[in-house]
Amino acid sequence: MAIVKEPKGVDFVVKSEPWTDKELKEFRRLMEKQKSKLGEEKRSKINENYKKGSKQPA
Protein backbone atom coordinates (compact mmCIF):
# COMPACT_ATOMS: atom_id res chain seq x y z
CA MET A 1 0.00 0.00 0.00
CA ALA A 2 1.43 3.36 -1.01
CA ILE A 3 1.35 6.61 0.91
CA VAL A 4 -0.96 9.19 -0.62
CA LYS A 5 0.41 12.71 -0.82
CA GLU A 6 -1.84 15.71 -0.41
CA PRO A 7 -2.22 17.71 -3.61
CA LYS A 8 -1.28 21.38 -3.34
CA GLY A 9 -4.10 23.41 -1.85
CA VAL A 10 -5.91 20.35 -0.44
CA ASP A 11 -5.85 19.51 3.27
CA PHE A 12 -6.96 16.00 4.24
CA VAL A 13 -7.11 16.91 7.94
CA VAL A 14 -10.52 18.16 9.00
CA LYS A 15 -10.82 20.18 12.18
CA SER A 16 -14.38 20.64 13.31
CA GLU A 17 -15.59 23.68 15.15
CA PRO A 18 -17.00 23.18 18.65
CA TRP A 19 -20.78 23.12 18.85
CA THR A 20 -22.63 26.16 20.09
CA ASP A 21 -24.97 25.85 23.07
CA LYS A 22 -27.95 26.15 20.72
CA GLU A 23 -26.67 23.35 18.42
CA LEU A 24 -25.88 21.11 21.38
CA LYS A 25 -29.33 21.67 22.89
CA GLU A 26 -31.00 20.89 19.54
CA PHE A 27 -28.90 17.71 19.13
CA ARG A 28 -29.77 16.49 22.61
CA ARG A 29 -33.47 17.12 21.98
CA LEU A 30 -33.28 15.14 18.74
CA MET A 31 -31.50 12.21 20.45
CA GLU A 32 -34.09 12.15 23.23
CA LYS A 33 -36.87 12.10 20.62
CA GLN A 34 -35.19 9.22 18.74
CA LYS A 35 -34.70 7.22 21.93
CA SER A 36 -38.32 7.63 22.99
CA LYS A 37 -39.56 6.69 19.50
CA LEU A 38 -37.41 3.55 19.48
CA GLY A 39 -38.68 2.68 22.95
CA GLU A 40 -42.29 3.00 21.83
CA GLU A 41 -41.68 0.81 18.77
CA LYS A 42 -39.98 -1.85 20.84
CA ARG A 43 -42.76 -1.85 23.45
CA SER A 44 -45.42 -2.20 20.77
CA LYS A 45 -43.51 -5.08 19.16
CA ILE A 46 -43.24 -6.86 22.52
CA ASN A 47 -46.99 -6.37 23.09
CA GLU A 48 -47.79 -7.77 19.62
CA ASN A 49 -45.67 -10.86 20.25
CA TYR A 50 -47.22 -11.33 23.68
CA LYS A 51 -50.72 -11.19 22.22
CA LYS A 52 -49.75 -13.79 19.60
CA GLY A 53 -48.76 -16.19 22.37
CA SER A 54 -45.03 -16.00 21.82
CA LYS A 55 -43.09 -16.94 24.95
CA GLN A 56 -40.08 -14.76 24.11
CA PRO A 57 -40.55 -11.15 23.00
CA ALA A 58 -38.44 -9.91 20.10
C-alpha atoms as a PDB file:
ATOM      1  CA  MET A   1       0.000   0.000   0.000  1.00  0.00           C
ATOM      2  CA  ALA A   2       1.433   3.358  -1.007  1.00  0.00           C
ATOM      3  CA  ILE A   3       1.352   6.613   0.909  1.00  0.00           C
ATOM      4  CA  VAL A   4      -0.963   9.195  -0.617  1.00  0.00           C
ATOM      5  CA  LYS A   5       0.413  12.707  -0.817  1.00  0.00           C
ATOM      6  CA  GLU A   6      -1.839  15.706  -0.414  1.00  0.00           C
ATOM      7  CA  PRO A   7      -2.223  17.712  -3.607  1.00  0.00           C
ATOM      8  CA  LYS A   8      -1.277  21.377  -3.341  1.00  0.00           C
ATOM      9  CA  GLY A   9      -4.104  23.407  -1.848  1.00  0.00           C
ATOM     10  CA  VAL A  10      -5.907  20.346  -0.440  1.00  0.00           C
ATOM     11  CA  ASP A  11      -5.854  19.514   3.268  1.00  0.00           C
ATOM     12  CA  PHE A  12      -6.962  15.996   4.241  1.00  0.00           C
ATOM     13  CA  VAL A  13      -7.109  16.911   7.935  1.00  0.00           C
ATOM     14  CA  VAL A  14     -10.524  18.161   9.003  1.00  0.00           C
ATOM     15  CA  LYS A  15     -10.816  20.176  12.178  1.00  0.00           C
ATOM     16  CA  SER A  16     -14.379  20.638  13.312  1.00  0.00           C
ATOM     17  CA  GLU A  17     -15.592  23.684  15.149  1.00  0.00           C
ATOM     18  CA  PRO A  18     -16.997  23.182  18.653  1.00  0.00           C
ATOM     19  CA  TRP A  19     -20.782  23.119  18.849  1.00  0.00           C
ATOM     20  CA  THR A  20     -22.634  26.164  20.094  1.00  0.00           C
ATOM     21  CA  ASP A  21     -24.973  25.848  23.067  1.00  0.00           C
ATOM     22  CA  LYS A  22     -27.950  26.146  20.718  1.00  0.00           C
ATOM     23  CA  GLU A  23     -26.672  23.346  18.420  1.00  0.00           C
ATOM     24  CA  LEU A  24     -25.879  21.108  21.380  1.00  0.00           C
ATOM     25  CA  LYS A  25     -29.334  21.673  22.885  1.00  0.00           C
ATOM     26  CA  GLU A  26     -30.996  20.886  19.541  1.00  0.00           C
ATOM     27  CA  PHE A  27     -28.901  17.708  19.130  1.00  0.00           C
ATOM     28  CA  ARG A  28     -29.766  16.486  22.611  1.00  0.00           C
ATOM     29  CA  ARG A  29     -33.470  17.120  21.985  1.00  0.00           C
ATOM     30  CA  LEU A  30     -33.275  15.139  18.740  1.00  0.00           C
ATOM     31  CA  MET A  31     -31.500  12.207  20.445  1.00  0.00           C
ATOM     32  CA  GLU A  32     -34.089  12.146  23.229  1.00  0.00           C
ATOM     33  CA  LYS A  33     -36.870  12.095  20.619  1.00  0.00           C
ATOM     34  CA  GLN A  34     -35.190   9.217  18.735  1.00  0.00           C
ATOM     35  CA  LYS A  35     -34.702   7.217  21.930  1.00  0.00           C
ATOM     36  CA  SER A  36     -38.315   7.627  22.986  1.00  0.00           C
ATOM     37  CA  LYS A  37     -39.556   6.689  19.501  1.00  0.00           C
ATOM     38  CA  LEU A  38     -37.415   3.549  19.480  1.00  0.00           C
ATOM     39  CA  GLY A  39     -38.675   2.684  22.953  1.00  0.00           C
ATOM     40  CA  GLU A  40     -42.288   2.996  21.833  1.00  0.00           C
ATOM     41  CA  GLU A  41     -41.676   0.808  18.775  1.00  0.00           C
ATOM     42  CA  LYS A  42     -39.975  -1.848  20.843  1.00  0.00           C
ATOM     43  CA  ARG A  43     -42.758  -1.848  23.448  1.00  0.00           C
ATOM     44  CA  SER A  44     -45.421  -2.203  20.765  1.00  0.00           C
ATOM     45  CA  LYS A  45     -43.511  -5.083  19.163  1.00  0.00           C
ATOM     46  CA  ILE A  46     -43.244  -6.856  22.515  1.00  0.00           C
ATOM     47  CA  ASN A  47     -46.989  -6.375  23.088  1.00  0.00           C
ATOM     48  CA  GLU A  48     -47.786  -7.765  19.621  1.00  0.00           C
ATOM     49  CA  ASN A  49     -45.673 -10.863  20.248  1.00  0.00           C
ATOM     50  CA  TYR A  50     -47.218 -11.326  23.684  1.00  0.00           C
ATOM     51  CA  LYS A  51     -50.718 -11.191  22.217  1.00  0.00           C
ATOM     52  CA  LYS A  52     -49.753 -13.785  19.595  1.00  0.00           C
ATOM     53  CA  GLY A  53     -48.759 -16.188  22.369  1.00  0.00           C
ATOM     54  CA  SER A  54     -45.027 -15.999  21.817  1.00  0.00           C
ATOM     55  CA  LYS A  55     -43.089 -16.936  24.946  1.00  0.00           C
ATOM     56  CA  GLN A  56     -40.078 -14.760  24.105  1.00  0.00           C
ATOM     57  CA  PRO A  57     -40.546 -11.149  22.996  1.00  0.00           C
ATOM     58  CA  ALA A  58     -38.442  -9.912  20.099  1.00  0.00           C
END
